[in-house]
Amino acid sequence: MVKLVAKCIVAGDSAVGKSALVQMFCNDGAHFQKNYTLTTGVELLVKAVPIPETSDTVELFLFDSASKELFSEMLEKLWEQPNAVCIVYDVTNEQSFGNCEKWLEKVRAQVSGRQIPGVLVGNKTDLIERRVVEQKQAQGWAESNGLGYCEISVKEMENYEAPFNIVANSFHQLYKEKVEAFHALGSGQVVTCCR
């Protein structure tokens, strides 16, 4: 049994549903914010995610942070050395999807070339008639940036656990690869493990 700990940055534009997603996940679906409240700093929530077919867990320290530029200096300090990223956009808001590139760059600037597992999350799928960002487009962007992808509706409590399960499983897989590389070095095999 292995218990891993990962610092996961939850990023994205204002009003895409980051806080509602994190709250819903950490409270097992028992808490949906009906009224929008701007996050003015950083909220830290913690939840352990069991890894399927193992007795291992990944404890995610979820940093849900404000999206406004005026908080950017504070964010940079709090975002130091993340282990994972969850980028959220609103499927009814083209600009929130376009800004995912900016959010990913900001997070990757904090990891100095290290591989960082992550997921792109399209929220508000319940607003079908207002949808402007197509699933295929977003999924293609996620894949080209080495991220997992899922779509959710926090309001309808649909798939809200998926982003963090993806992140936890990706982080666990990265850990397993590093352990295997380490063991291979100890056995005298030549291994190329740096990416």
N, C-alpha and C. Protein backbone atom coordinates (compact mmCIF):
# COMPACT_ATOMS: atom_id res chain seq x y z
N MET A 1 0.84 -1.19 0.00
CA MET A 1 0.00 0.00 0.00
C MET A 1 0.88 1.24 0.00
N VAL A 2 0.61 2.12 -0.96
CA VAL A 2 1.36 3.35 -1.10
C VAL A 2 0.38 4.51 -0.99
N LYS A 3 0.77 5.53 -0.22
CA LYS A 3 -0.04 6.74 -0.12
C LYS A 3 0.80 7.88 -0.68
N LEU A 4 0.36 8.41 -1.80
CA LEU A 4 1.06 9.51 -2.44
C LEU A 4 0.33 10.82 -2.15
N VAL A 5 1.06 11.91 -2.22
CA VAL A 5 0.49 13.23 -1.99
C VAL A 5 0.82 14.09 -3.20
N ALA A 6 -0.17 14.78 -3.74
CA ALA A 6 0.05 15.63 -4.92
C ALA A 6 -0.60 16.99 -4.73
N LYS A 7 0.15 18.01 -5.08
CA LYS A 7 -0.36 19.38 -5.08
C LYS A 7 -0.95 19.63 -6.47
N CYS A 8 -2.26 19.84 -6.52
CA CYS A 8 -2.96 20.01 -7.80
C CYS A 8 -3.53 21.43 -7.91
N ILE A 9 -3.09 22.14 -8.93
CA ILE A 9 -3.60 23.48 -9.19
C ILE A 9 -4.88 23.37 -10.02
N VAL A 10 -5.94 24.02 -9.56
CA VAL A 10 -7.19 24.07 -10.31
C VAL A 10 -7.27 25.48 -10.90
N ALA A 11 -7.15 25.56 -12.25
CA ALA A 11 -7.03 26.85 -12.92
C ALA A 11 -8.11 27.02 -13.97
N GLY A 12 -8.33 28.27 -14.35
CA GLY A 12 -9.31 28.59 -15.38
C GLY A 12 -9.89 29.97 -15.13
N ASP A 13 -10.64 30.47 -16.09
CA ASP A 13 -11.23 31.80 -15.98
C ASP A 13 -12.27 31.86 -14.86
N SER A 14 -12.64 33.08 -14.51
CA SER A 14 -13.71 33.29 -13.52
C SER A 14 -15.03 32.73 -14.04
N ALA A 15 -15.83 32.22 -13.14
CA ALA A 15 -17.21 31.77 -13.42
C ALA A 15 -17.31 30.54 -14.31
N VAL A 16 -16.22 29.76 -14.43
CA VAL A 16 -16.31 28.52 -15.22
C VAL A 16 -16.74 27.34 -14.35
N GLY A 17 -16.71 27.51 -13.03
CA GLY A 17 -17.18 26.47 -12.12
C GLY A 17 -16.08 25.74 -11.36
N LYS A 18 -14.91 26.35 -11.24
CA LYS A 18 -13.79 25.70 -10.53
C LYS A 18 -14.14 25.43 -9.08
N SER A 19 -14.60 26.45 -8.38
CA SER A 19 -14.90 26.29 -6.95
C SER A 19 -16.03 25.31 -6.73
N ALA A 20 -17.07 25.40 -7.56
CA ALA A 20 -18.20 24.48 -7.42
C ALA A 20 -17.74 23.04 -7.64
N LEU A 21 -16.86 22.84 -8.62
CA LEU A 21 -16.33 21.50 -8.91
C LEU A 21 -15.54 20.96 -7.72
N VAL A 22 -14.63 21.75 -7.21
CA VAL A 22 -13.79 21.31 -6.09
C VAL A 22 -14.64 21.03 -4.86
N GLN A 23 -15.58 21.94 -4.57
CA GLN A 23 -16.46 21.75 -3.41
C GLN A 23 -17.30 20.48 -3.55
N MET A 24 -17.85 20.28 -4.73
CA MET A 24 -18.69 19.11 -4.99
C MET A 24 -17.87 17.83 -4.81
N PHE A 25 -16.67 17.81 -5.36
CA PHE A 25 -15.82 16.63 -5.27
C PHE A 25 -15.41 16.33 -3.82
N CYS A 26 -14.99 17.35 -3.12
CA CYS A 26 -14.50 17.14 -1.74
C CYS A 26 -15.63 16.82 -0.77
N ASN A 27 -16.86 17.20 -1.11
CA ASN A 27 -18.01 16.92 -0.25
C ASN A 27 -18.86 15.78 -0.80
N ASP A 28 -18.29 14.95 -1.67
CA ASP A 28 -18.98 13.78 -2.23
C ASP A 28 -20.35 14.11 -2.81
N GLY A 29 -20.43 15.23 -3.52
CA GLY A 29 -21.67 15.59 -4.19
C GLY A 29 -22.70 16.25 -3.30
N ALA A 30 -22.33 16.59 -2.09
CA ALA A 30 -23.32 17.13 -1.14
C ALA A 30 -23.39 18.65 -1.13
N HIS A 31 -22.59 19.31 -1.98
CA HIS A 31 -22.56 20.77 -1.88
C HIS A 31 -22.43 21.40 -3.26
N PHE A 32 -23.50 22.02 -3.75
CA PHE A 32 -23.44 22.79 -4.98
C PHE A 32 -23.80 24.22 -4.66
N GLN A 33 -22.89 25.16 -5.03
CA GLN A 33 -23.13 26.57 -4.77
C GLN A 33 -24.15 27.10 -5.76
N LYS A 34 -25.32 27.47 -5.28
CA LYS A 34 -26.35 28.00 -6.17
C LYS A 34 -26.08 29.46 -6.54
N ASN A 35 -25.44 30.18 -5.65
CA ASN A 35 -25.10 31.57 -5.91
C ASN A 35 -23.61 31.69 -6.15
N TYR A 36 -23.24 32.40 -7.22
CA TYR A 36 -21.83 32.55 -7.57
C TYR A 36 -21.15 33.50 -6.61
N THR A 37 -20.01 33.06 -6.08
CA THR A 37 -19.19 33.90 -5.22
C THR A 37 -17.78 33.90 -5.78
N LEU A 38 -17.26 35.09 -6.06
CA LEU A 38 -15.90 35.20 -6.60
C LEU A 38 -14.88 34.74 -5.56
N THR A 39 -14.02 33.82 -5.98
CA THR A 39 -12.92 33.42 -5.10
C THR A 39 -11.92 34.56 -5.10
N THR A 40 -11.57 35.07 -3.93
CA THR A 40 -10.69 36.24 -3.86
C THR A 40 -9.28 35.90 -3.42
N GLY A 41 -8.99 34.68 -3.23
CA GLY A 41 -7.64 34.26 -2.85
C GLY A 41 -7.45 32.83 -3.28
N VAL A 42 -7.07 31.99 -2.34
CA VAL A 42 -6.88 30.58 -2.64
C VAL A 42 -7.57 29.75 -1.57
N GLU A 43 -8.34 28.78 -2.00
CA GLU A 43 -8.92 27.81 -1.06
C GLU A 43 -8.16 26.52 -1.24
N LEU A 44 -7.83 25.88 -0.14
CA LEU A 44 -7.14 24.60 -0.18
C LEU A 44 -8.08 23.54 0.36
N LEU A 45 -8.37 22.54 -0.46
CA LEU A 45 -9.19 21.41 -0.03
C LEU A 45 -8.40 20.14 -0.28
N VAL A 46 -8.61 19.14 0.56
CA VAL A 46 -7.84 17.91 0.47
C VAL A 46 -8.78 16.72 0.40
N LYS A 47 -8.46 15.79 -0.49
CA LYS A 47 -9.24 14.56 -0.57
C LYS A 47 -8.36 13.44 -1.10
N ALA A 48 -8.49 12.26 -0.48
CA ALA A 48 -7.75 11.08 -0.91
C ALA A 48 -8.55 10.37 -2.00
N VAL A 49 -7.85 9.96 -3.06
CA VAL A 49 -8.48 9.26 -4.18
C VAL A 49 -7.89 7.86 -4.25
N PRO A 50 -8.71 6.82 -4.09
CA PRO A 50 -8.20 5.45 -4.21
C PRO A 50 -7.88 5.13 -5.67
N ILE A 51 -6.78 4.41 -5.88
CA ILE A 51 -6.38 4.00 -7.22
C ILE A 51 -6.97 2.61 -7.49
N PRO A 52 -7.77 2.48 -8.55
CA PRO A 52 -8.42 1.20 -8.83
C PRO A 52 -7.42 0.04 -8.98
N GLU A 53 -7.85 -1.13 -8.52
CA GLU A 53 -7.08 -2.37 -8.62
C GLU A 53 -5.77 -2.35 -7.85
N THR A 54 -5.67 -1.43 -6.89
CA THR A 54 -4.51 -1.38 -5.99
C THR A 54 -5.04 -1.02 -4.61
N SER A 55 -4.15 -1.05 -3.62
CA SER A 55 -4.53 -0.54 -2.30
C SER A 55 -3.93 0.85 -2.10
N ASP A 56 -3.43 1.44 -3.19
CA ASP A 56 -2.78 2.75 -3.14
C ASP A 56 -3.81 3.88 -3.16
N THR A 57 -3.40 5.02 -2.63
CA THR A 57 -4.22 6.24 -2.71
C THR A 57 -3.33 7.42 -3.08
N VAL A 58 -3.96 8.41 -3.69
CA VAL A 58 -3.29 9.68 -3.94
C VAL A 58 -4.10 10.74 -3.21
N GLU A 59 -3.46 11.40 -2.27
CA GLU A 59 -4.12 12.48 -1.54
C GLU A 59 -3.88 13.77 -2.32
N LEU A 60 -4.97 14.33 -2.84
CA LEU A 60 -4.87 15.54 -3.65
C LEU A 60 -5.06 16.77 -2.77
N PHE A 61 -4.08 17.65 -2.81
CA PHE A 61 -4.19 18.96 -2.18
C PHE A 61 -4.62 19.90 -3.30
N LEU A 62 -5.90 20.25 -3.32
CA LEU A 62 -6.48 21.02 -4.42
C LEU A 62 -6.43 22.51 -4.11
N PHE A 63 -5.67 23.24 -4.91
CA PHE A 63 -5.54 24.68 -4.77
C PHE A 63 -6.50 25.35 -5.75
N ASP A 64 -7.64 25.79 -5.23
CA ASP A 64 -8.65 26.49 -6.03
C ASP A 64 -8.38 27.98 -5.86
N SER A 65 -8.00 28.63 -6.95
CA SER A 65 -7.54 30.01 -6.81
C SER A 65 -8.32 31.00 -7.65
N ALA A 66 -8.21 32.25 -7.26
CA ALA A 66 -8.85 33.34 -7.99
C ALA A 66 -8.29 33.43 -9.39
N SER A 67 -9.09 33.93 -10.31
CA SER A 67 -8.67 34.02 -11.70
C SER A 67 -8.27 35.43 -12.11
N LYS A 68 -8.53 36.38 -11.29
CA LYS A 68 -8.28 37.77 -11.67
C LYS A 68 -6.77 38.08 -11.66
N GLU A 69 -6.36 38.91 -12.61
CA GLU A 69 -4.95 39.26 -12.74
C GLU A 69 -4.39 39.94 -11.49
N LEU A 70 -5.25 40.66 -10.75
CA LEU A 70 -4.74 41.37 -9.59
C LEU A 70 -4.22 40.40 -8.52
N PHE A 71 -4.59 39.14 -8.63
CA PHE A 71 -4.11 38.15 -7.67
C PHE A 71 -2.90 37.38 -8.21
N SER A 72 -2.42 37.74 -9.41
CA SER A 72 -1.42 36.90 -10.07
C SER A 72 -0.11 36.79 -9.30
N GLU A 73 0.34 37.85 -8.63
CA GLU A 73 1.59 37.78 -7.88
C GLU A 73 1.46 36.80 -6.71
N MET A 74 0.33 36.86 -6.03
CA MET A 74 0.07 35.94 -4.93
C MET A 74 -0.03 34.51 -5.45
N LEU A 75 -0.69 34.34 -6.60
CA LEU A 75 -0.86 33.02 -7.18
C LEU A 75 0.48 32.36 -7.49
N GLU A 76 1.40 33.13 -8.05
CA GLU A 76 2.69 32.57 -8.42
C GLU A 76 3.38 31.94 -7.21
N LYS A 77 3.29 32.57 -6.07
CA LYS A 77 3.89 32.01 -4.85
C LYS A 77 3.19 30.71 -4.44
N LEU A 78 1.86 30.74 -4.44
CA LEU A 78 1.09 29.57 -4.01
C LEU A 78 1.14 28.43 -5.02
N TRP A 79 1.42 28.75 -6.27
CA TRP A 79 1.46 27.73 -7.32
C TRP A 79 2.83 27.07 -7.45
N GLU A 80 3.79 27.45 -6.62
CA GLU A 80 5.14 26.89 -6.76
C GLU A 80 5.14 25.37 -6.63
N GLN A 81 5.88 24.72 -7.53
CA GLN A 81 6.12 23.28 -7.53
C GLN A 81 4.84 22.42 -7.46
N PRO A 82 3.91 22.63 -8.38
CA PRO A 82 2.74 21.75 -8.40
C PRO A 82 3.10 20.37 -8.94
N ASN A 83 2.29 19.37 -8.60
CA ASN A 83 2.49 18.01 -9.11
C ASN A 83 1.46 17.65 -10.17
N ALA A 84 0.39 18.44 -10.27
CA ALA A 84 -0.69 18.13 -11.20
C ALA A 84 -1.49 19.40 -11.47
N VAL A 85 -2.26 19.36 -12.57
CA VAL A 85 -3.07 20.53 -12.92
C VAL A 85 -4.43 20.08 -13.45
N CYS A 86 -5.44 20.87 -13.09
CA CYS A 86 -6.80 20.66 -13.59
C CYS A 86 -7.24 22.01 -14.15
N ILE A 87 -7.40 22.10 -15.48
CA ILE A 87 -7.80 23.35 -16.12
C ILE A 87 -9.26 23.23 -16.52
N VAL A 88 -10.06 24.18 -16.05
CA VAL A 88 -11.51 24.14 -16.27
C VAL A 88 -11.92 25.27 -17.20
N TYR A 89 -12.79 24.95 -18.16
CA TYR A 89 -13.39 25.98 -19.01
C TYR A 89 -14.89 25.73 -19.08
N ASP A 90 -15.61 26.70 -19.60
CA ASP A 90 -17.07 26.65 -19.73
C ASP A 90 -17.39 26.37 -21.20
N VAL A 91 -18.10 25.27 -21.48
CA VAL A 91 -18.38 24.88 -22.87
C VAL A 91 -19.26 25.91 -23.59
N THR A 92 -19.85 26.86 -22.85
CA THR A 92 -20.68 27.90 -23.48
C THR A 92 -19.91 29.20 -23.66
N ASN A 93 -18.60 29.18 -23.36
CA ASN A 93 -17.80 30.41 -23.38
C ASN A 93 -16.50 30.16 -24.14
N GLU A 94 -16.46 30.60 -25.40
CA GLU A 94 -15.29 30.39 -26.27
C GLU A 94 -14.02 30.99 -25.66
N GLN A 95 -14.13 32.17 -25.05
CA GLN A 95 -12.95 32.83 -24.49
C GLN A 95 -12.36 32.02 -23.34
N SER A 96 -13.20 31.40 -22.52
CA SER A 96 -12.69 30.61 -21.40
C SER A 96 -11.89 29.41 -21.91
N PHE A 97 -12.30 28.88 -23.07
CA PHE A 97 -11.53 27.79 -23.69
C PHE A 97 -10.23 28.32 -24.28
N GLY A 98 -10.30 29.45 -24.96
CA GLY A 98 -9.10 30.06 -25.54
C GLY A 98 -8.05 30.39 -24.50
N ASN A 99 -8.49 30.75 -23.30
CA ASN A 99 -7.56 31.12 -22.24
C ASN A 99 -6.90 29.92 -21.56
N CYS A 100 -7.34 28.71 -21.89
CA CYS A 100 -6.72 27.51 -21.28
C CYS A 100 -5.23 27.45 -21.57
N GLU A 101 -4.83 27.91 -22.75
CA GLU A 101 -3.41 27.95 -23.13
C GLU A 101 -2.62 28.79 -22.12
N LYS A 102 -3.17 29.96 -21.79
CA LYS A 102 -2.53 30.86 -20.83
C LYS A 102 -2.40 30.19 -19.45
N TRP A 103 -3.46 29.54 -19.02
CA TRP A 103 -3.43 28.89 -17.70
C TRP A 103 -2.41 27.76 -17.67
N LEU A 104 -2.35 26.98 -18.75
CA LEU A 104 -1.39 25.89 -18.80
C LEU A 104 0.03 26.41 -18.79
N GLU A 105 0.28 27.47 -19.53
CA GLU A 105 1.62 28.08 -19.54
C GLU A 105 2.02 28.57 -18.16
N LYS A 106 1.07 29.19 -17.44
CA LYS A 106 1.38 29.70 -16.09
C LYS A 106 1.76 28.56 -15.15
N VAL A 107 1.04 27.45 -15.25
CA VAL A 107 1.34 26.31 -14.37
C VAL A 107 2.67 25.68 -14.77
N ARG A 108 2.86 25.47 -16.07
CA ARG A 108 4.11 24.83 -16.53
C ARG A 108 5.34 25.68 -16.24
N ALA A 109 5.17 26.99 -16.14
CA ALA A 109 6.29 27.87 -15.79
C ALA A 109 6.79 27.58 -14.37
N GLN A 110 5.94 26.98 -13.56
CA GLN A 110 6.29 26.67 -12.17
C GLN A 110 6.99 25.32 -12.00
N VAL A 111 7.07 24.52 -13.06
CA VAL A 111 7.61 23.17 -12.90
C VAL A 111 8.95 22.96 -13.60
N SER A 112 9.47 24.00 -14.21
CA SER A 112 10.78 23.97 -14.87
C SER A 112 11.08 22.69 -15.64
N GLY A 113 10.24 22.41 -16.63
CA GLY A 113 10.50 21.30 -17.54
C GLY A 113 10.08 19.91 -17.07
N ARG A 114 9.68 19.77 -15.82
CA ARG A 114 9.22 18.46 -15.33
C ARG A 114 7.91 18.07 -16.00
N GLN A 115 7.70 16.78 -16.11
CA GLN A 115 6.42 16.28 -16.61
C GLN A 115 5.38 16.47 -15.51
N ILE A 116 4.23 17.00 -15.88
CA ILE A 116 3.17 17.24 -14.90
C ILE A 116 1.86 16.69 -15.44
N PRO A 117 1.27 15.71 -14.75
CA PRO A 117 0.00 15.17 -15.22
C PRO A 117 -1.12 16.19 -15.05
N GLY A 118 -2.11 16.10 -15.92
CA GLY A 118 -3.21 17.04 -15.80
C GLY A 118 -4.41 16.64 -16.63
N VAL A 119 -5.46 17.47 -16.50
CA VAL A 119 -6.72 17.21 -17.19
C VAL A 119 -7.35 18.54 -17.60
N LEU A 120 -7.96 18.54 -18.78
CA LEU A 120 -8.77 19.67 -19.24
C LEU A 120 -10.22 19.28 -19.00
N VAL A 121 -10.97 20.19 -18.39
CA VAL A 121 -12.35 19.89 -18.00
C VAL A 121 -13.32 20.89 -18.63
N GLY A 122 -14.25 20.38 -19.43
CA GLY A 122 -15.32 21.20 -19.99
C GLY A 122 -16.54 21.13 -19.08
N ASN A 123 -16.88 22.24 -18.45
CA ASN A 123 -18.01 22.27 -17.52
C ASN A 123 -19.24 22.90 -18.18
N LYS A 124 -20.38 22.70 -17.57
CA LYS A 124 -21.68 23.27 -17.96
C LYS A 124 -22.27 22.57 -19.19
N THR A 125 -22.05 21.26 -19.29
CA THR A 125 -22.60 20.51 -20.42
C THR A 125 -24.13 20.44 -20.38
N ASP A 126 -24.73 20.81 -19.26
CA ASP A 126 -26.20 20.83 -19.17
C ASP A 126 -26.80 21.96 -20.01
N LEU A 127 -25.99 22.95 -20.38
CA LEU A 127 -26.48 24.08 -21.18
C LEU A 127 -26.30 23.78 -22.68
N ILE A 128 -26.92 22.71 -23.12
CA ILE A 128 -26.73 22.17 -24.47
C ILE A 128 -26.98 23.22 -25.55
N GLU A 129 -28.06 23.97 -25.43
CA GLU A 129 -28.43 24.92 -26.48
C GLU A 129 -27.48 26.12 -26.56
N ARG A 130 -26.68 26.34 -25.52
CA ARG A 130 -25.75 27.47 -25.51
C ARG A 130 -24.31 27.05 -25.79
N ARG A 131 -24.09 25.78 -26.02
CA ARG A 131 -22.74 25.26 -26.21
C ARG A 131 -22.08 25.87 -27.46
N VAL A 132 -20.81 26.31 -27.31
CA VAL A 132 -20.06 26.84 -28.45
C VAL A 132 -18.73 26.13 -28.66
N VAL A 133 -18.19 25.48 -27.64
CA VAL A 133 -16.93 24.75 -27.77
C VAL A 133 -17.26 23.27 -27.94
N GLU A 134 -16.92 22.73 -29.09
CA GLU A 134 -17.23 21.33 -29.39
C GLU A 134 -16.26 20.39 -28.68
N GLN A 135 -16.76 19.24 -28.29
CA GLN A 135 -15.97 18.25 -27.56
C GLN A 135 -14.72 17.84 -28.34
N LYS A 136 -14.87 17.61 -29.63
CA LYS A 136 -13.75 17.16 -30.46
C LYS A 136 -12.61 18.19 -30.46
N GLN A 137 -12.97 19.46 -30.56
CA GLN A 137 -11.99 20.55 -30.56
C GLN A 137 -11.22 20.57 -29.24
N ALA A 138 -11.93 20.52 -28.14
CA ALA A 138 -11.30 20.58 -26.81
C ALA A 138 -10.46 19.34 -26.55
N GLN A 139 -10.97 18.19 -26.93
CA GLN A 139 -10.24 16.94 -26.71
C GLN A 139 -8.94 16.94 -27.52
N GLY A 140 -8.98 17.46 -28.73
CA GLY A 140 -7.78 17.55 -29.56
C GLY A 140 -6.73 18.46 -28.91
N TRP A 141 -7.18 19.59 -28.37
CA TRP A 141 -6.26 20.51 -27.71
C TRP A 141 -5.63 19.85 -26.48
N ALA A 142 -6.46 19.16 -25.70
CA ALA A 142 -5.96 18.48 -24.49
C ALA A 142 -4.90 17.45 -24.87
N GLU A 143 -5.20 16.62 -25.85
CA GLU A 143 -4.25 15.58 -26.26
C GLU A 143 -2.94 16.18 -26.77
N SER A 144 -3.04 17.26 -27.55
CA SER A 144 -1.82 17.88 -28.08
C SER A 144 -0.97 18.51 -26.98
N ASN A 145 -1.57 18.74 -25.82
CA ASN A 145 -0.83 19.31 -24.68
C ASN A 145 -0.55 18.29 -23.58
N GLY A 146 -0.78 17.02 -23.88
CA GLY A 146 -0.46 15.97 -22.91
C GLY A 146 -1.39 15.90 -21.72
N LEU A 147 -2.63 16.33 -21.91
CA LEU A 147 -3.60 16.34 -20.81
C LEU A 147 -4.70 15.32 -21.08
N GLY A 148 -5.29 14.81 -20.00
CA GLY A 148 -6.50 14.03 -20.12
C GLY A 148 -7.65 14.97 -20.43
N TYR A 149 -8.83 14.43 -20.72
CA TYR A 149 -9.97 15.28 -21.03
C TYR A 149 -11.26 14.66 -20.51
N CYS A 150 -12.14 15.50 -19.99
CA CYS A 150 -13.48 15.04 -19.64
C CYS A 150 -14.44 16.22 -19.66
N GLU A 151 -15.71 15.89 -19.77
CA GLU A 151 -16.75 16.90 -19.72
C GLU A 151 -17.67 16.59 -18.55
N ILE A 152 -18.15 17.67 -17.92
CA ILE A 152 -18.93 17.52 -16.70
C ILE A 152 -20.05 18.55 -16.65
N SER A 153 -21.00 18.31 -15.77
CA SER A 153 -21.96 19.33 -15.36
C SER A 153 -22.01 19.28 -13.84
N VAL A 154 -21.34 20.24 -13.22
CA VAL A 154 -21.35 20.27 -11.76
C VAL A 154 -22.78 20.49 -11.27
N LYS A 155 -23.51 21.37 -11.96
CA LYS A 155 -24.88 21.67 -11.54
C LYS A 155 -25.75 20.42 -11.52
N GLU A 156 -25.60 19.56 -12.52
CA GLU A 156 -26.39 18.34 -12.60
C GLU A 156 -25.70 17.15 -11.91
N MET A 157 -24.57 17.42 -11.27
CA MET A 157 -23.78 16.40 -10.56
C MET A 157 -23.35 15.26 -11.50
N GLU A 158 -23.04 15.61 -12.75
CA GLU A 158 -22.64 14.62 -13.74
C GLU A 158 -21.12 14.61 -13.90
N ASN A 159 -20.52 13.47 -13.61
CA ASN A 159 -19.10 13.23 -13.91
C ASN A 159 -18.14 14.09 -13.10
N TYR A 160 -18.59 14.71 -12.02
CA TYR A 160 -17.75 15.65 -11.29
C TYR A 160 -16.52 15.01 -10.63
N GLU A 161 -16.53 13.69 -10.45
CA GLU A 161 -15.36 13.02 -9.86
C GLU A 161 -14.29 12.71 -10.90
N ALA A 162 -14.70 12.65 -12.17
CA ALA A 162 -13.80 12.21 -13.25
C ALA A 162 -12.50 13.02 -13.34
N PRO A 163 -12.52 14.36 -13.28
CA PRO A 163 -11.26 15.09 -13.44
C PRO A 163 -10.21 14.69 -12.42
N PHE A 164 -10.63 14.52 -11.18
CA PHE A 164 -9.66 14.23 -10.12
C PHE A 164 -9.25 12.77 -10.12
N ASN A 165 -10.13 11.89 -10.60
CA ASN A 165 -9.72 10.50 -10.79
C ASN A 165 -8.67 10.40 -11.89
N ILE A 166 -8.85 11.17 -12.97
CA ILE A 166 -7.86 11.19 -14.05
C ILE A 166 -6.52 11.70 -13.53
N VAL A 167 -6.55 12.81 -12.80
CA VAL A 167 -5.31 13.39 -12.26
C VAL A 167 -4.62 12.41 -11.31
N ALA A 168 -5.37 11.81 -10.39
CA ALA A 168 -4.78 10.89 -9.41
C ALA A 168 -4.19 9.67 -10.10
N ASN A 169 -4.90 9.11 -11.08
CA ASN A 169 -4.39 7.93 -11.79
C ASN A 169 -3.16 8.27 -12.61
N SER A 170 -3.14 9.43 -13.25
CA SER A 170 -1.97 9.86 -14.03
C SER A 170 -0.76 10.07 -13.12
N PHE A 171 -0.99 10.68 -11.96
CA PHE A 171 0.10 10.91 -11.01
C PHE A 171 0.63 9.58 -10.48
N HIS A 172 -0.26 8.66 -10.18
CA HIS A 172 0.13 7.33 -9.70
C HIS A 172 0.93 6.59 -10.78
N GLN A 173 0.50 6.68 -12.03
CA GLN A 173 1.21 6.03 -13.13
C GLN A 173 2.62 6.60 -13.28
N LEU A 174 2.76 7.90 -13.16
CA LEU A 174 4.07 8.55 -13.23
C LEU A 174 4.97 8.05 -12.11
N TYR A 175 4.40 7.92 -10.91
CA TYR A 175 5.14 7.38 -9.77
C TYR A 175 5.63 5.97 -10.07
N LYS A 176 4.73 5.11 -10.60
CA LYS A 176 5.09 3.73 -10.91
C LYS A 176 6.22 3.67 -11.93
N GLU A 177 6.16 4.51 -12.95
CA GLU A 177 7.22 4.54 -13.97
C GLU A 177 8.56 4.92 -13.36
N LYS A 178 8.56 5.88 -12.44
CA LYS A 178 9.82 6.30 -11.81
C LYS A 178 10.37 5.20 -10.91
N VAL A 179 9.49 4.50 -10.19
CA VAL A 179 9.93 3.39 -9.33
C VAL A 179 10.52 2.28 -10.18
N GLU A 180 9.86 1.95 -11.29
CA GLU A 180 10.38 0.90 -12.18
C GLU A 180 11.73 1.29 -12.76
N ALA A 181 11.88 2.55 -13.14
CA ALA A 181 13.16 3.03 -13.66
C ALA A 181 14.24 2.93 -12.59
N PHE A 182 13.90 3.27 -11.36
CA PHE A 182 14.85 3.20 -10.25
C PHE A 182 15.28 1.75 -10.01
N HIS A 183 14.30 0.83 -10.00
CA HIS A 183 14.62 -0.58 -9.79
C HIS A 183 15.47 -1.13 -10.93
N ALA A 184 15.20 -0.69 -12.14
CA ALA A 184 15.99 -1.13 -13.28
C ALA A 184 17.43 -0.66 -13.16
N LEU A 185 17.64 0.54 -12.64
CA LEU A 185 18.99 1.04 -12.42
C LEU A 185 19.72 0.18 -11.39
N GLY A 186 19.00 -0.24 -10.36
CA GLY A 186 19.59 -1.07 -9.31
C GLY A 186 19.94 -2.47 -9.80
N SER A 187 19.27 -2.93 -10.85
CA SER A 187 19.55 -4.27 -11.37
C SER A 187 20.62 -4.26 -12.45
N GLY A 188 21.16 -3.08 -12.73
CA GLY A 188 22.24 -2.99 -13.71
C GLY A 188 21.77 -2.80 -15.14
N GLN A 189 20.45 -2.70 -15.37
CA GLN A 189 19.95 -2.47 -16.72
C GLN A 189 20.16 -1.01 -17.11
N VAL A 190 20.35 -0.81 -18.39
CA VAL A 190 20.46 0.56 -18.87
C VAL A 190 19.05 1.06 -19.17
N VAL A 191 18.70 2.19 -18.55
CA VAL A 191 17.35 2.73 -18.70
C VAL A 191 17.43 4.19 -19.08
N THR A 192 16.60 4.59 -20.02
CA THR A 192 16.47 6.01 -20.31
C THR A 192 15.10 6.43 -19.79
N CYS A 193 15.10 7.19 -18.71
CA CYS A 193 13.84 7.54 -18.07
C CYS A 193 13.53 9.03 -18.13
N CYS A 194 14.45 9.80 -18.63
CA CYS A 194 14.22 11.24 -18.66
C CYS A 194 13.47 11.60 -19.93
N ARG A 195 12.48 12.47 -19.80
CA ARG A 195 11.69 12.87 -20.98
C ARG A 195 11.89 14.33 -21.25
